[in-house]
């Protein structure tokens, strides 16, 4: 797979994005880490932003101190309505398997109390927080990747695709960019304008837009495929081929749109796999361990330059 990454990257001309100009927010900045950094340290409940409520992250420092580390931002799933920074697919394994990364797992505001795009605003604020504190956290502000699962995959995709013109940069650290350099989307929804998919979510009671009947413009605004452009970061999309909640067509649609405009994009369909890679009958292929190896290899290539 490394060869595939190298081939696509060599064939794609990527233009560096200049950090956008913002007006700094007068809101007081939350306090960052005050204890000495220790390799392998886990520090919990760090307030990273305050978008109407305090928002917290847990951070996992690399086990070895090898200079400024690349960052992996983890966004949990839970149908936008449940879950927190301590829960999620493979979260307990990531600090071990993602050796050499500074990992930040975030809480974000949940629907229906906080409708879309609150959760995306929070993820963007988390990226800006990390950049603002890059020196004291010993991280590389130019090498930030995001991994999101299910609803978190949707948020991660929007974090990678929607720039400042979407209007979702709110809260603190507005002098910093919220752009990321790599996205791993684990079976996240990508197109709410698909009538069959929108109806399915409505029947299941998912409340991204509570108390309203969203029109096509609202559905499009929440759809990652709306924001695809040629300057987007590299994407890896992983999808179970038997997923009853987020059908493979959702991942395929984003893959097709990204490749059409020349963004380095990779998709891994997992056979016999339902949502969260649960078996849909028989062994899944590739295995969960192999899926992990695939996305770590992707991140290593685009954030560490590992060939």
Protein backbone atom coordinates (compact mmCIF):
# COMPACT_ATOMS: atom_id res chain seq x y z
CA UNK A 1 0.00 0.00 0.00
CA UNK A 2 2.96 2.30 0.59
CA UNK A 3 3.77 2.07 -3.09
CA UNK A 4 0.22 3.13 -3.91
CA UNK A 5 0.58 6.15 -1.63
CA UNK A 6 3.88 7.06 -3.26
CA UNK A 7 2.50 6.68 -6.78
CA UNK A 8 -0.52 8.88 -6.20
CA UNK A 9 1.41 11.47 -4.27
CA UNK A 10 4.03 11.77 -6.98
CA UNK A 11 1.35 12.19 -9.63
CA UNK A 12 -0.49 14.90 -7.70
CA UNK A 13 0.69 18.49 -7.48
CA UNK A 14 -0.31 19.86 -4.08
CA UNK A 15 -0.31 23.61 -3.46
CA UNK A 16 0.51 24.71 0.07
CA UNK A 17 -2.33 26.64 1.66
CA UNK A 18 -1.60 29.93 3.33
CA UNK A 19 -3.11 30.30 6.79
CA UNK A 20 -6.25 32.43 6.54
CA UNK A 21 -6.42 35.79 8.25
CA UNK A 22 -8.80 35.95 11.19
CA UNK A 23 -9.88 38.52 13.76
CA UNK A 24 -8.83 37.22 17.20
CA UNK A 25 -11.67 36.45 19.58
CA UNK A 26 -11.91 38.46 22.80
CA UNK A 27 -13.02 35.30 24.65
CA UNK A 28 -10.45 34.26 27.32
CA UNK A 29 -8.30 31.33 26.24
CA UNK A 30 -8.55 28.11 28.24
CA UNK A 31 -5.50 27.05 30.21
CA UNK A 32 -3.35 24.39 28.60
CA UNK A 33 -1.11 21.77 30.20
CA UNK A 34 0.90 23.01 33.17
CA UNK A 35 2.67 19.77 34.17
CA UNK A 36 5.99 18.70 32.60
CA UNK A 37 5.66 16.64 29.43
CA UNK A 38 6.57 12.99 30.07
CA UNK A 39 6.81 10.43 27.25
CA UNK A 40 3.74 8.20 27.39
CA UNK A 41 1.87 10.63 29.63
CA UNK A 42 -1.93 10.66 29.41
CA UNK A 43 -3.53 13.90 30.53
CA UNK A 44 -7.30 14.09 30.74
CA UNK A 45 -9.98 16.77 30.80
CA UNK A 46 -8.03 19.60 29.21
CA UNK A 47 -10.38 22.42 28.27
CA UNK A 48 -9.59 23.28 24.67
CA UNK A 49 -12.39 25.72 23.78
CA UNK A 50 -15.60 27.19 25.13
CA UNK A 51 -18.27 27.28 22.44
CA UNK A 52 -21.17 28.08 24.81
CA UNK A 53 -19.96 25.25 27.09
CA UNK A 54 -16.46 24.12 28.15
CA UNK A 55 -15.11 21.50 25.75
CA UNK A 56 -12.50 18.99 26.86
CA UNK A 57 -9.94 16.67 25.32
CA UNK A 58 -7.75 13.85 26.57
CA UNK A 59 -4.20 13.88 25.23
CA UNK A 60 -1.77 11.00 24.85
CA UNK A 61 1.87 11.96 24.51
CA UNK A 62 4.19 9.80 22.38
CA UNK A 63 6.09 7.12 24.26
CA UNK A 64 9.37 8.50 22.92
CA UNK A 65 10.48 12.12 22.73
CA UNK A 66 11.77 12.54 19.19
CA UNK A 67 11.13 16.22 18.70
CA UNK A 68 7.90 17.88 17.55
CA UNK A 69 5.40 15.07 16.90
CA UNK A 70 2.71 14.78 14.26
CA UNK A 71 -0.81 14.94 15.66
CA UNK A 72 -3.73 12.56 15.37
CA UNK A 73 -7.07 14.08 16.36
CA UNK A 74 -9.62 11.38 17.27
CA UNK A 75 -13.35 12.09 16.80
CA UNK A 76 -15.71 9.55 18.38
CA UNK A 77 -18.94 8.29 16.86
CA UNK A 78 -22.41 7.89 18.37
CA UNK A 79 -24.97 9.20 15.86
CA UNK A 80 -24.03 12.79 16.85
CA UNK A 81 -26.08 12.31 20.03
CA UNK A 82 -24.06 10.09 22.40
CA UNK A 83 -20.46 9.21 23.25
CA UNK A 84 -17.50 11.14 24.54
CA UNK A 85 -13.73 11.39 24.34
CA UNK A 86 -13.26 8.16 26.31
CA UNK A 87 -15.31 5.96 23.98
CA UNK A 88 -14.93 4.84 20.43
CA UNK A 89 -13.75 2.24 17.96
CA UNK A 90 -10.16 1.19 18.79
CA UNK A 91 -9.62 4.25 21.00
CA UNK A 92 -8.03 2.13 23.72
CA UNK A 93 -5.55 0.71 21.19
CA UNK A 94 -4.55 3.84 19.34
CA UNK A 95 -1.94 5.18 21.83
CA UNK A 96 -0.05 1.90 21.41
CA UNK A 97 -0.44 1.37 17.67
CA UNK A 98 0.06 4.99 16.62
CA UNK A 99 3.61 5.16 17.93
CA UNK A 100 5.21 8.55 17.62
CA UNK A 101 1.97 10.52 17.41
CA UNK A 102 0.55 13.04 19.82
CA UNK A 103 -3.09 11.95 20.10
CA UNK A 104 -5.98 14.17 21.17
CA UNK A 105 -9.44 12.66 21.70
CA UNK A 106 -12.14 15.31 21.92
CA UNK A 107 -15.56 15.86 23.37
CA UNK A 108 -17.87 17.87 21.15
CA UNK A 109 -21.35 19.30 21.57
CA UNK A 110 -24.03 16.71 20.90
CA UNK A 111 -27.38 16.88 19.13
CA UNK A 112 -30.24 17.41 19.64
CA UNK A 113 -29.32 20.02 22.25
CA UNK A 114 -26.70 21.45 19.91
CA UNK A 115 -27.73 21.02 16.25
CA UNK A 116 -25.40 20.88 13.27
CA UNK A 117 -22.87 22.46 12.72
CA UNK A 118 -21.96 22.76 16.43
CA UNK A 119 -19.94 19.54 16.43
CA UNK A 120 -17.91 20.63 13.40
CA UNK A 121 -17.25 24.03 14.95
CA UNK A 122 -15.85 22.24 17.99
CA UNK A 123 -13.55 19.98 15.97
CA UNK A 124 -12.21 23.01 14.14
CA UNK A 125 -11.62 24.79 17.44
CA UNK A 126 -9.67 21.76 18.69
CA UNK A 127 -7.30 21.99 15.72
CA UNK A 128 -6.78 25.71 16.30
CA UNK A 129 -6.11 25.04 20.01
CA UNK A 130 -3.44 22.50 19.15
CA UNK A 131 -1.74 24.87 16.73
CA UNK A 132 -1.83 27.71 19.25
CA UNK A 133 -0.08 25.51 21.82
CA UNK A 134 2.21 23.61 19.46
CA UNK A 135 5.44 24.71 21.11
CA UNK A 136 4.49 23.81 24.67
CA UNK A 137 2.96 20.49 23.55
CA UNK A 138 6.02 19.70 21.40
CA UNK A 139 3.90 19.00 18.31
CA UNK A 140 4.30 19.84 14.64
CA UNK A 141 1.51 22.29 13.73
CA UNK A 142 1.97 21.51 10.04
CA UNK A 143 1.33 17.78 10.47
CA UNK A 144 -2.15 17.32 11.91
CA UNK A 145 -4.29 14.39 10.86
CA UNK A 146 -7.81 13.48 11.92
CA UNK A 147 -9.48 10.10 12.34
CA UNK A 148 -13.23 9.88 12.84
CA UNK A 149 -15.58 6.94 13.31
CA UNK A 150 -19.15 6.84 11.92
CA UNK A 151 -20.66 10.20 12.95
CA UNK A 152 -17.11 11.14 13.87
CA UNK A 153 -16.06 10.18 10.35
CA UNK A 154 -18.62 12.66 9.04
CA UNK A 155 -17.17 15.36 11.30
CA UNK A 156 -13.60 14.44 10.33
CA UNK A 157 -14.47 14.64 6.63
CA UNK A 158 -15.98 18.09 7.04
CA UNK A 159 -12.92 19.14 9.02
CA UNK A 160 -10.78 18.13 6.07
CA UNK A 161 -13.01 19.53 3.32
CA UNK A 162 -14.72 22.71 4.55
CA UNK A 163 -12.45 25.75 4.71
CA UNK A 164 -12.99 29.04 6.53
CA UNK A 165 -15.59 30.17 3.99
CA UNK A 166 -18.06 27.67 5.49
CA UNK A 167 -18.32 29.96 8.52
CA UNK A 168 -17.62 27.23 11.08
CA UNK A 169 -14.52 28.76 12.66
CA UNK A 170 -16.01 30.11 15.88
CA UNK A 171 -14.81 30.46 19.46
CA UNK A 172 -11.16 30.84 20.41
CA UNK A 173 -7.79 30.87 18.60
CA UNK A 174 -9.23 32.39 15.44
CA UNK A 175 -5.78 33.57 14.40
CA UNK A 176 -4.93 29.91 13.74
CA UNK A 177 -5.92 27.74 10.76
CA UNK A 178 -8.25 24.78 11.31
CA UNK A 179 -7.03 22.93 8.21
CA UNK A 180 -5.67 19.39 8.58
CA UNK A 181 -3.12 17.52 6.47
CA UNK A 182 -4.67 14.03 6.34
CA UNK A 183 -8.10 12.49 6.96
CA UNK A 184 -9.06 8.94 7.91
CA UNK A 185 -12.81 8.49 7.49
CA UNK A 186 -14.12 5.27 9.06
CA UNK A 187 -17.59 4.67 7.55
CA UNK A 188 -18.82 8.24 7.98
CA UNK A 189 -21.90 9.57 6.16
CA UNK A 190 -21.01 11.76 3.19
CA UNK A 191 -24.20 12.72 1.33
CA UNK A 192 -27.44 13.58 3.10
CA UNK A 193 -29.04 14.68 -0.16
CA UNK A 194 -29.38 11.01 -1.11
CA UNK A 195 -33.16 10.55 -0.47
CA UNK A 196 -32.90 6.89 0.53
CA UNK A 197 -30.13 7.58 3.03
CA UNK A 198 -31.82 10.66 4.48
CA UNK A 199 -35.04 8.68 4.96
CA UNK A 200 -33.13 5.88 6.67
CA UNK A 201 -31.56 8.28 9.16
CA UNK A 202 -34.90 9.94 9.83
CA UNK A 203 -36.52 6.58 10.59
CA UNK A 204 -33.73 5.74 13.00
CA UNK A 205 -34.34 9.01 14.82
CA UNK A 206 -30.98 10.63 14.15
CA UNK A 207 -31.30 14.31 15.02
CA UNK A 208 -28.66 16.31 13.25
CA UNK A 209 -31.37 18.93 12.58
CA UNK A 210 -33.80 18.60 15.53
CA UNK A 211 -37.26 20.18 15.45
CA UNK A 212 -37.10 21.05 11.75
CA UNK A 213 -37.69 19.31 8.45
CA UNK A 214 -34.41 20.02 6.65
CA UNK A 215 -34.64 21.18 3.06
CA UNK A 216 -32.14 20.25 0.35
CA UNK A 217 -29.94 23.24 1.14
CA UNK A 218 -29.65 22.19 4.78
CA UNK A 219 -28.93 18.59 3.80
CA UNK A 220 -26.29 19.71 1.31
CA UNK A 221 -24.67 21.96 3.91
CA UNK A 222 -24.13 18.93 6.16
CA UNK A 223 -22.81 16.72 3.34
CA UNK A 224 -19.02 16.40 3.03
CA UNK A 225 -19.23 15.87 -0.74
CA UNK A 226 -20.54 19.45 -1.05
CA UNK A 227 -17.16 20.87 -0.06
CA UNK A 228 -14.77 18.79 -2.17
CA UNK A 229 -12.08 20.80 -3.99
CA UNK A 230 -8.70 20.13 -5.54
CA UNK A 231 -6.75 21.54 -2.58
CA UNK A 232 -8.21 19.10 -0.04
CA UNK A 233 -5.87 16.93 2.07
CA UNK A 234 -5.27 13.22 1.34
CA UNK A 235 -8.13 10.91 2.35
CA UNK A 236 -8.32 7.28 3.41
CA UNK A 237 -11.87 5.90 3.52
CA UNK A 238 -12.64 2.57 5.20
CA UNK A 239 -16.08 1.00 4.82
CA UNK A 240 -17.82 -2.28 5.65
CA UNK A 241 -19.44 -3.70 2.52
CA UNK A 242 -22.47 -4.92 4.51
CA UNK A 243 -23.00 -1.84 6.67
CA UNK A 244 -26.76 -1.49 7.32
CA UNK A 245 -26.47 2.04 8.74
CA UNK A 246 -24.01 3.82 6.46
CA UNK A 247 -24.19 2.01 3.10
CA UNK A 248 -21.05 1.54 0.99
CA UNK A 249 -22.50 3.92 -1.61
CA UNK A 250 -21.88 6.80 0.82
CA UNK A 251 -18.15 6.10 1.00
CA UNK A 252 -17.95 5.39 -2.71
CA UNK A 253 -19.58 8.73 -3.51
CA UNK A 254 -16.96 10.66 -1.54
CA UNK A 255 -14.14 8.60 -3.03
CA UNK A 256 -15.40 9.27 -6.56
CA UNK A 257 -15.78 13.00 -5.96
CA UNK A 258 -12.31 13.36 -4.43
CA UNK A 259 -10.53 11.38 -7.12
CA UNK A 260 -12.31 13.35 -9.84
CA UNK A 261 -10.63 16.56 -8.66
CA UNK A 262 -7.25 14.90 -8.13
CA UNK A 263 -7.07 14.60 -4.34
CA UNK A 264 -4.88 11.65 -3.22
CA UNK A 265 -7.63 9.30 -2.02
CA UNK A 266 -7.74 5.65 -1.04
CA UNK A 267 -10.68 3.43 -0.17
CA UNK A 268 -10.65 0.08 1.60
CA UNK A 269 -13.85 -1.95 1.48
CA UNK A 270 -13.99 -4.57 4.23
CA UNK A 271 -15.83 -7.69 3.10
CA UNK A 272 -18.43 -9.34 5.36
CA UNK A 273 -18.32 -6.28 7.63
CA UNK A 274 -21.26 -4.36 9.02
CA UNK A 275 -21.18 -1.12 10.99
CA UNK A 276 -18.09 -0.70 13.18
CA UNK A 277 -16.64 -3.70 11.29
CA UNK A 278 -18.87 -6.18 13.11
CA UNK A 279 -19.10 -9.44 11.22
CA UNK A 280 -22.10 -9.68 8.90
CA UNK A 281 -21.55 -13.42 8.47
CA UNK A 282 -18.17 -15.05 8.27
CA UNK A 283 -14.73 -13.55 8.88
CA UNK A 284 -14.16 -9.98 7.80
CA UNK A 285 -11.36 -9.18 5.36
CA UNK A 286 -9.10 -7.39 5.92
CA UNK A 287 -9.15 -8.07 9.67
CA UNK A 288 -9.54 -5.27 12.20
CA UNK A 289 -5.82 -5.50 12.93
CA UNK A 290 -5.03 -5.20 9.23
CA UNK A 291 -7.40 -2.23 8.92
CA UNK A 292 -5.45 -0.54 11.70
CA UNK A 293 -2.18 -1.24 9.90
CA UNK A 294 -3.63 0.29 6.73
CA UNK A 295 -4.61 3.58 8.32
CA UNK A 296 -1.39 3.87 10.33
CA UNK A 297 0.59 3.31 7.13
CA UNK A 298 -1.46 6.03 5.44
CA UNK A 299 -0.84 8.47 8.29
CA UNK A 300 2.85 7.60 8.45
CA UNK A 301 3.23 8.33 4.74
CA UNK A 302 1.45 11.68 4.70
CA UNK A 303 2.38 12.98 8.17
CA UNK A 304 5.80 11.41 8.77
CA UNK A 305 7.06 10.94 5.24
CA UNK A 306 7.61 7.21 5.77
CA UNK A 307 8.02 5.53 2.39
